[in-house]
Amino acid sequence: MSVRQSQKEATRKRVLDAARDLFETRGYEETTVREIARVAEVSVGSVFTTFSSKGDILSQVMADRLDALYAELDRVVPHLRGSTADRLRSMFAIHYAFETRRTKLFLAHIAAAYDWTLEPSSRPFGRNPHLKQVVKDCLVDGVTRGDVDPATDLDIAVDTLMASYAWTYRLAAWNDSDAETMSAVFDRHIGLICQGFAPRA
């Protein structure tokens, strides 16, 4: 790696570290690029040389964090047992346990999904294909196992589960609920949703 590339990578890391902490403590909306640059001890110009926008910074912060989560899911999912509902509950419980380590950061990630000014390259919650694919694979396996109706529109089922999962985070925002509390609520959501795509007698 050249000196220039090394300096650029160091700047990128400082910006992401500063942004992650600011998004967690101050919130996404309240954090400015100028403040990120100040905490990272780089110029605002250096930030924009590396990232296109604050939304792009958030996307990169979350992508770096989620790599570890998805590696864990990829390791665990093949060993999950029980019904499709049970396996979905286990998968999302892992997600809750991981994301409640930095709840406000994940709330910012969810909120960015409704920011109409984000460029198409940004990846807020819902635009990340990995989790959606893991959930869809679980449903496809459920069709094979016989507890998911083959006529189910799996993309709509995935969207419904993802929407319900994100909505449960209101408990963290409003009541400071922990992973166990949110998992318990979402477990009931999963049960109801799974009834909707269960095979009919």
C-alpha atoms as a PDB file:
ATOM      1  CA  MET A   1       0.000   0.000   0.000  1.00  0.00           C
ATOM      2  CA  SER A   2       1.389   3.411  -0.986  1.00  0.00           C
ATOM      3  CA  VAL A   3       1.782   6.246   1.522  1.00  0.00           C
ATOM      4  CA  ARG A   4      -1.153   8.060  -0.100  1.00  0.00           C
ATOM      5  CA  GLN A   5      -3.385   4.985   0.098  1.00  0.00           C
ATOM      6  CA  SER A   6      -2.326   4.431   3.699  1.00  0.00           C
ATOM      7  CA  GLN A   7      -3.205   8.012   4.615  1.00  0.00           C
ATOM      8  CA  LYS A   8      -6.573   7.729   2.874  1.00  0.00           C
ATOM      9  CA  GLU A   9      -7.370   4.516   4.739  1.00  0.00           C
ATOM     10  CA  ALA A  10      -6.351   6.119   8.057  1.00  0.00           C
ATOM     11  CA  THR A  11      -8.644   9.082   7.324  1.00  0.00           C
ATOM     12  CA  ARG A  12     -11.491   6.741   6.440  1.00  0.00           C
ATOM     13  CA  LYS A  13     -11.072   4.854   9.715  1.00  0.00           C
ATOM     14  CA  ARG A  14     -10.926   8.047  11.810  1.00  0.00           C
ATOM     15  CA  VAL A  15     -14.061   9.405  10.127  1.00  0.00           C
ATOM     16  CA  LEU A  16     -15.993   6.155  10.614  1.00  0.00           C
ATOM     17  CA  ASP A  17     -14.927   5.831  14.259  1.00  0.00           C
ATOM     18  CA  ALA A  18     -15.912   9.444  14.990  1.00  0.00           C
ATOM     19  CA  ALA A  19     -19.228   9.141  13.128  1.00  0.00           C
ATOM     20  CA  ARG A  20     -20.161   5.872  14.832  1.00  0.00           C
ATOM     21  CA  ASP A  21     -19.691   7.412  18.272  1.00  0.00           C
ATOM     22  CA  LEU A  22     -21.459  10.671  17.372  1.00  0.00           C
ATOM     23  CA  PHE A  23     -24.424   8.916  15.774  1.00  0.00           C
ATOM     24  CA  GLU A  24     -24.721   6.797  18.918  1.00  0.00           C
ATOM     25  CA  THR A  25     -24.434   9.645  21.434  1.00  0.00           C
ATOM     26  CA  ARG A  26     -25.956  12.630  19.605  1.00  0.00           C
ATOM     27  CA  GLY A  27     -28.136  10.947  17.007  1.00  0.00           C
ATOM     28  CA  TYR A  28     -27.925  10.944  13.229  1.00  0.00           C
ATOM     29  CA  GLU A  29     -29.957  14.096  12.595  1.00  0.00           C
ATOM     30  CA  GLU A  30     -28.091  16.184  15.156  1.00  0.00           C
ATOM     31  CA  THR A  31     -24.641  15.143  13.945  1.00  0.00           C
ATOM     32  CA  THR A  32     -23.100  17.271  11.193  1.00  0.00           C
ATOM     33  CA  VAL A  33     -20.294  16.413   8.798  1.00  0.00           C
ATOM     34  CA  ARG A  34     -18.360  19.358  10.236  1.00  0.00           C
ATOM     35  CA  GLU A  35     -18.630  17.832  13.709  1.00  0.00           C
ATOM     36  CA  ILE A  36     -17.546  14.427  12.419  1.00  0.00           C
ATOM     37  CA  ALA A  37     -14.514  16.066  10.812  1.00  0.00           C
ATOM     38  CA  ARG A  38     -13.670  17.903  14.051  1.00  0.00           C
ATOM     39  CA  VAL A  39     -13.823  14.752  16.196  1.00  0.00           C
ATOM     40  CA  ALA A  40     -11.895  12.757  13.562  1.00  0.00           C
ATOM     41  CA  GLU A  41      -9.315  15.570  13.409  1.00  0.00           C
ATOM     42  CA  VAL A  42      -9.508  15.852   9.638  1.00  0.00           C
ATOM     43  CA  SER A  43     -10.752  18.591   7.321  1.00  0.00           C
ATOM     44  CA  VAL A  44     -14.319  18.684   6.043  1.00  0.00           C
ATOM     45  CA  GLY A  45     -12.834  18.420   2.548  1.00  0.00           C
ATOM     46  CA  SER A  46     -11.087  15.185   3.524  1.00  0.00           C
ATOM     47  CA  VAL A  47     -14.417  13.743   4.662  1.00  0.00           C
ATOM     48  CA  PHE A  48     -16.028  14.550   1.322  1.00  0.00           C
ATOM     49  CA  THR A  49     -13.041  13.173  -0.562  1.00  0.00           C
ATOM     50  CA  THR A  50     -13.744   9.819   1.085  1.00  0.00           C
ATOM     51  CA  PHE A  51     -17.561   9.856   1.424  1.00  0.00           C
ATOM     52  CA  SER A  52     -20.272  11.431  -0.707  1.00  0.00           C
ATOM     53  CA  SER A  53     -22.574  12.440   2.181  1.00  0.00           C
ATOM     54  CA  LYS A  54     -23.487  11.901   5.818  1.00  0.00           C
ATOM     55  CA  GLY A  55     -25.846   9.138   4.671  1.00  0.00           C
ATOM     56  CA  ASP A  56     -22.943   7.432   2.923  1.00  0.00           C
ATOM     57  CA  ILE A  57     -20.935   7.623   6.155  1.00  0.00           C
ATOM     58  CA  LEU A  58     -23.776   5.995   8.096  1.00  0.00           C
ATOM     59  CA  SER A  59     -24.056   3.273   5.452  1.00  0.00           C
ATOM     60  CA  GLN A  60     -20.353   2.501   5.762  1.00  0.00           C
ATOM     61  CA  VAL A  61     -20.461   2.527   9.573  1.00  0.00           C
ATOM     62  CA  MET A  62     -23.306   0.008   9.508  1.00  0.00           C
ATOM     63  CA  ALA A  63     -21.783  -2.112   6.732  1.00  0.00           C
ATOM     64  CA  ASP A  64     -18.599  -2.497   8.782  1.00  0.00           C
ATOM     65  CA  ARG A  65     -20.597  -3.448  11.877  1.00  0.00           C
ATOM     66  CA  LEU A  66     -23.006  -5.761  10.100  1.00  0.00           C
ATOM     67  CA  ASP A  67     -20.215  -7.812   8.542  1.00  0.00           C
ATOM     68  CA  ALA A  68     -19.622  -9.340  11.979  1.00  0.00           C
ATOM     69  CA  LEU A  69     -23.330  -9.974  12.535  1.00  0.00           C
ATOM     70  CA  TYR A  70     -23.839 -11.662   9.187  1.00  0.00           C
ATOM     71  CA  ALA A  71     -20.759 -13.807   9.671  1.00  0.00           C
ATOM     72  CA  GLU A  72     -22.353 -15.021  12.922  1.00  0.00           C
ATOM     73  CA  LEU A  73     -25.722 -15.624  11.226  1.00  0.00           C
ATOM     74  CA  ASP A  74     -24.086 -17.530   8.378  1.00  0.00           C
ATOM     75  CA  ARG A  75     -22.348 -19.715  10.952  1.00  0.00           C
ATOM     76  CA  VAL A  76     -25.411 -20.371  13.121  1.00  0.00           C
ATOM     77  CA  VAL A  77     -28.342 -20.564  10.690  1.00  0.00           C
ATOM     78  CA  PRO A  78     -27.499 -23.993   9.183  1.00  0.00           C
ATOM     79  CA  HIS A  79     -27.667 -25.490  12.692  1.00  0.00           C
ATOM     80  CA  LEU A  80     -31.033 -24.024  13.724  1.00  0.00           C
ATOM     81  CA  ARG A  81     -33.806 -26.515  14.433  1.00  0.00           C
ATOM     82  CA  GLY A  82     -37.562 -26.432  14.806  1.00  0.00           C
ATOM     83  CA  SER A  83     -40.324 -24.894  12.719  1.00  0.00           C
ATOM     84  CA  THR A  84     -39.811 -21.986  10.360  1.00  0.00           C
ATOM     85  CA  ALA A  85     -41.238 -19.700  13.054  1.00  0.00           C
ATOM     86  CA  ASP A  86     -38.770 -21.070  15.616  1.00  0.00           C
ATOM     87  CA  ARG A  87     -35.825 -20.594  13.265  1.00  0.00           C
ATOM     88  CA  LEU A  88     -36.926 -17.038  12.436  1.00  0.00           C
ATOM     89  CA  ARG A  89     -37.190 -16.265  16.158  1.00  0.00           C
ATOM     90  CA  SER A  90     -33.644 -17.537  16.732  1.00  0.00           C
ATOM     91  CA  MET A  91     -32.242 -15.551  13.809  1.00  0.00           C
ATOM     92  CA  PHE A  92     -33.819 -12.285  14.855  1.00  0.00           C
ATOM     93  CA  ALA A  93     -32.877 -12.859  18.517  1.00  0.00           C
ATOM     94  CA  ILE A  94     -29.236 -12.882  17.365  1.00  0.00           C
ATOM     95  CA  HIS A  95     -29.884  -9.629  15.525  1.00  0.00           C
ATOM     96  CA  TYR A  96     -31.484  -7.981  18.585  1.00  0.00           C
ATOM     97  CA  ALA A  97     -28.649  -9.098  20.862  1.00  0.00           C
ATOM     98  CA  PHE A  98     -26.096  -7.637  18.466  1.00  0.00           C
ATOM     99  CA  GLU A  99     -27.820  -4.346  17.675  1.00  0.00           C
ATOM    100  CA  THR A 100     -28.790  -3.452  21.239  1.00  0.00           C
ATOM    101  CA  ARG A 101     -25.078  -3.038  21.972  1.00  0.00           C
ATOM    102  CA  ARG A 102     -25.477   0.262  20.080  1.00  0.00           C
ATOM    103  CA  THR A 103     -29.219   0.817  20.008  1.00  0.00           C
ATOM    104  CA  LYS A 104     -29.190   4.493  19.023  1.00  0.00           C
ATOM    105  CA  LEU A 105     -26.893   3.752  16.113  1.00  0.00           C
ATOM    106  CA  PHE A 106     -29.279   1.082  14.843  1.00  0.00           C
ATOM    107  CA  LEU A 107     -32.238   3.433  15.298  1.00  0.00           C
ATOM    108  CA  ALA A 108     -30.382   5.914  13.078  1.00  0.00           C
ATOM    109  CA  HIS A 109     -29.897   3.121  10.532  1.00  0.00           C
ATOM    110  CA  ILE A 110     -33.650   2.419  10.545  1.00  0.00           C
ATOM    111  CA  ALA A 111     -34.549   6.123  10.408  1.00  0.00           C
ATOM    112  CA  ALA A 112     -32.317   6.611   7.360  1.00  0.00           C
ATOM    113  CA  ALA A 113     -34.595   4.236   5.452  1.00  0.00           C
ATOM    114  CA  TYR A 114     -37.141   7.086   5.399  1.00  0.00           C
ATOM    115  CA  ASP A 115     -34.680   9.809   4.345  1.00  0.00           C
ATOM    116  CA  TRP A 116     -35.758  10.616   0.789  1.00  0.00           C
ATOM    117  CA  THR A 117     -32.578  12.641   0.204  1.00  0.00           C
ATOM    118  CA  LEU A 118     -30.270   9.615   0.458  1.00  0.00           C
ATOM    119  CA  GLU A 119     -28.489   8.719  -2.745  1.00  0.00           C
ATOM    120  CA  PRO A 120     -29.210   5.293  -4.282  1.00  0.00           C
ATOM    121  CA  SER A 121     -25.794   3.987  -3.237  1.00  0.00           C
ATOM    122  CA  SER A 122     -26.635   4.406   0.466  1.00  0.00           C
ATOM    123  CA  ARG A 123     -27.773   1.283   2.287  1.00  0.00           C
ATOM    124  CA  PRO A 124     -30.126   2.082   5.147  1.00  0.00           C
ATOM    125  CA  PHE A 125     -32.133  -0.622   6.876  1.00  0.00           C
ATOM    126  CA  GLY A 126     -34.134  -2.585   4.309  1.00  0.00           C
ATOM    127  CA  ARG A 127     -31.713  -1.970   1.453  1.00  0.00           C
ATOM    128  CA  ASN A 128     -29.176  -4.464   2.727  1.00  0.00           C
ATOM    129  CA  PRO A 129     -29.669  -7.636   0.704  1.00  0.00           C
ATOM    130  CA  HIS A 130     -27.886 -10.008   3.097  1.00  0.00           C
ATOM    131  CA  LEU A 131     -30.440 -10.112   5.924  1.00  0.00           C
ATOM    132  CA  LYS A 132     -33.344 -10.226   3.481  1.00  0.00           C
ATOM    133  CA  GLN A 133     -31.717 -13.190   1.740  1.00  0.00           C
ATOM    134  CA  VAL A 134     -31.129 -15.026   5.030  1.00  0.00           C
ATOM    135  CA  VAL A 135     -34.812 -14.582   5.930  1.00  0.00           C
ATOM    136  CA  LYS A 136     -35.960 -15.621   2.451  1.00  0.00           C
ATOM    137  CA  ASP A 137     -33.743 -18.710   2.535  1.00  0.00           C
ATOM    138  CA  CYS A 138     -35.401 -19.671   5.828  1.00  0.00           C
ATOM    139  CA  LEU A 139     -38.830 -19.353   4.216  1.00  0.00           C
ATOM    140  CA  VAL A 140     -37.741 -21.331   1.139  1.00  0.00           C
ATOM    141  CA  ASP A 141     -36.531 -24.057   3.494  1.00  0.00           C
ATOM    142  CA  GLY A 142     -39.915 -23.840   5.211  1.00  0.00           C
ATOM    143  CA  VAL A 143     -41.632 -24.587   1.904  1.00  0.00           C
ATOM    144  CA  THR A 144     -39.439 -27.694   1.559  1.00  0.00           C
ATOM    145  CA  ARG A 145     -40.204 -28.734   5.145  1.00  0.00           C
ATOM    146  CA  GLY A 146     -43.918 -28.263   4.599  1.00  0.00           C
ATOM    147  CA  ASP A 147     -44.738 -25.491   7.094  1.00  0.00           C
ATOM    148  CA  VAL A 148     -44.769 -22.631   4.549  1.00  0.00           C
ATOM    149  CA  ASP A 149     -47.443 -22.631   1.849  1.00  0.00           C
ATOM    150  CA  PRO A 150     -45.735 -22.970  -1.584  1.00  0.00           C
ATOM    151  CA  ALA A 151     -48.132 -20.333  -2.950  1.00  0.00           C
ATOM    152  CA  THR A 152     -46.761 -17.713  -0.525  1.00  0.00           C
ATOM    153  CA  ASP A 153     -45.283 -14.586  -2.086  1.00  0.00           C
ATOM    154  CA  LEU A 154     -41.956 -14.903  -0.259  1.00  0.00           C
ATOM    155  CA  ASP A 155     -40.821 -11.364  -1.053  1.00  0.00           C
ATOM    156  CA  ILE A 156     -43.929  -9.932   0.612  1.00  0.00           C
ATOM    157  CA  ALA A 157     -43.446 -12.278   3.576  1.00  0.00           C
ATOM    158  CA  VAL A 158     -39.837 -11.075   3.942  1.00  0.00           C
ATOM    159  CA  ASP A 159     -40.921  -7.421   3.722  1.00  0.00           C
ATOM    160  CA  THR A 160     -43.588  -8.024   6.373  1.00  0.00           C
ATOM    161  CA  LEU A 161     -41.098  -9.626   8.755  1.00  0.00           C
ATOM    162  CA  MET A 162     -38.526  -6.879   8.190  1.00  0.00           C
ATOM    163  CA  ALA A 163     -41.105  -4.142   8.735  1.00  0.00           C
ATOM    164  CA  SER A 164     -42.349  -5.743  11.943  1.00  0.00           C
ATOM    165  CA  TYR A 165     -38.776  -6.213  13.166  1.00  0.00           C
ATOM    166  CA  ALA A 166     -37.939  -2.540  12.587  1.00  0.00           C
ATOM    167  CA  TRP A 167     -41.216  -1.389  14.188  1.00  0.00           C
ATOM    168  CA  THR A 168     -40.347  -3.288  17.372  1.00  0.00           C
ATOM    169  CA  TYR A 169     -37.403  -0.909  17.857  1.00  0.00           C
ATOM    170  CA  ARG A 170     -39.905   1.744  18.909  1.00  0.00           C
ATOM    171  CA  LEU A 171     -39.744  -0.023  22.289  1.00  0.00           C
ATOM    172  CA  ALA A 172     -36.043   0.820  22.496  1.00  0.00           C
ATOM    173  CA  ALA A 173     -36.659   4.407  21.394  1.00  0.00           C
ATOM    174  CA  TRP A 174     -39.613   5.042  23.705  1.00  0.00           C
ATOM    175  CA  ASN A 175     -39.026   2.723  26.669  1.00  0.00           C
ATOM    176  CA  ASP A 176     -35.303   1.907  26.494  1.00  0.00           C
ATOM    177  CA  SER A 177     -36.288  -1.773  26.131  1.00  0.00           C
ATOM    178  CA  ASP A 178     -33.547  -4.393  25.985  1.00  0.00           C
ATOM    179  CA  ALA A 179     -32.972  -7.207  23.488  1.00  0.00           C
ATOM    180  CA  GLU A 180     -34.897  -9.763  25.540  1.00  0.00           C
ATOM    181  CA  THR A 181     -37.984  -7.559  25.797  1.00  0.00           C
ATOM    182  CA  MET A 182     -38.016  -6.739  22.091  1.00  0.00           C
ATOM    183  CA  SER A 183     -37.400 -10.361  21.141  1.00  0.00           C
ATOM    184  CA  ALA A 184     -40.356 -11.452  23.250  1.00  0.00           C
ATOM    185  CA  VAL A 185     -42.648  -8.971  21.469  1.00  0.00           C
ATOM    186  CA  PHE A 186     -41.312  -9.854  18.032  1.00  0.00           C
ATOM    187  CA  ASP A 187     -41.678 -13.571  18.762  1.00  0.00           C
ATOM    188  CA  ARG A 188     -45.430 -12.973  18.964  1.00  0.00           C
ATOM    189  CA  HIS A 189     -45.350 -10.997  15.705  1.00  0.00           C
ATOM    190  CA  ILE A 190     -43.540 -13.887  14.018  1.00  0.00           C
ATOM    191  CA  GLY A 191     -46.163 -16.337  15.279  1.00  0.00           C
ATOM    192  CA  LEU A 192     -48.967 -14.245  13.807  1.00  0.00           C
ATOM    193  CA  ILE A 193     -47.162 -13.637  10.502  1.00  0.00           C
ATOM    194  CA  CYS A 194     -46.291 -17.315  10.139  1.00  0.00           C
ATOM    195  CA  GLN A 195     -49.942 -18.256  10.605  1.00  0.00           C
ATOM    196  CA  GLY A 196     -50.640 -16.194   7.489  1.00  0.00           C
ATOM    197  CA  PHE A 197     -48.403 -18.284   5.250  1.00  0.00           C
ATOM    198  CA  ALA A 198     -48.945 -21.690   6.860  1.00  0.00           C
ATOM    199  CA  PRO A 199     -50.322 -24.378   4.537  1.00  0.00           C
ATOM    200  CA  ARG A 200     -54.109 -24.683   4.601  1.00  0.00           C
ATOM    201  CA  ALA A 201     -55.635 -28.057   5.450  1.00  0.00           C
END
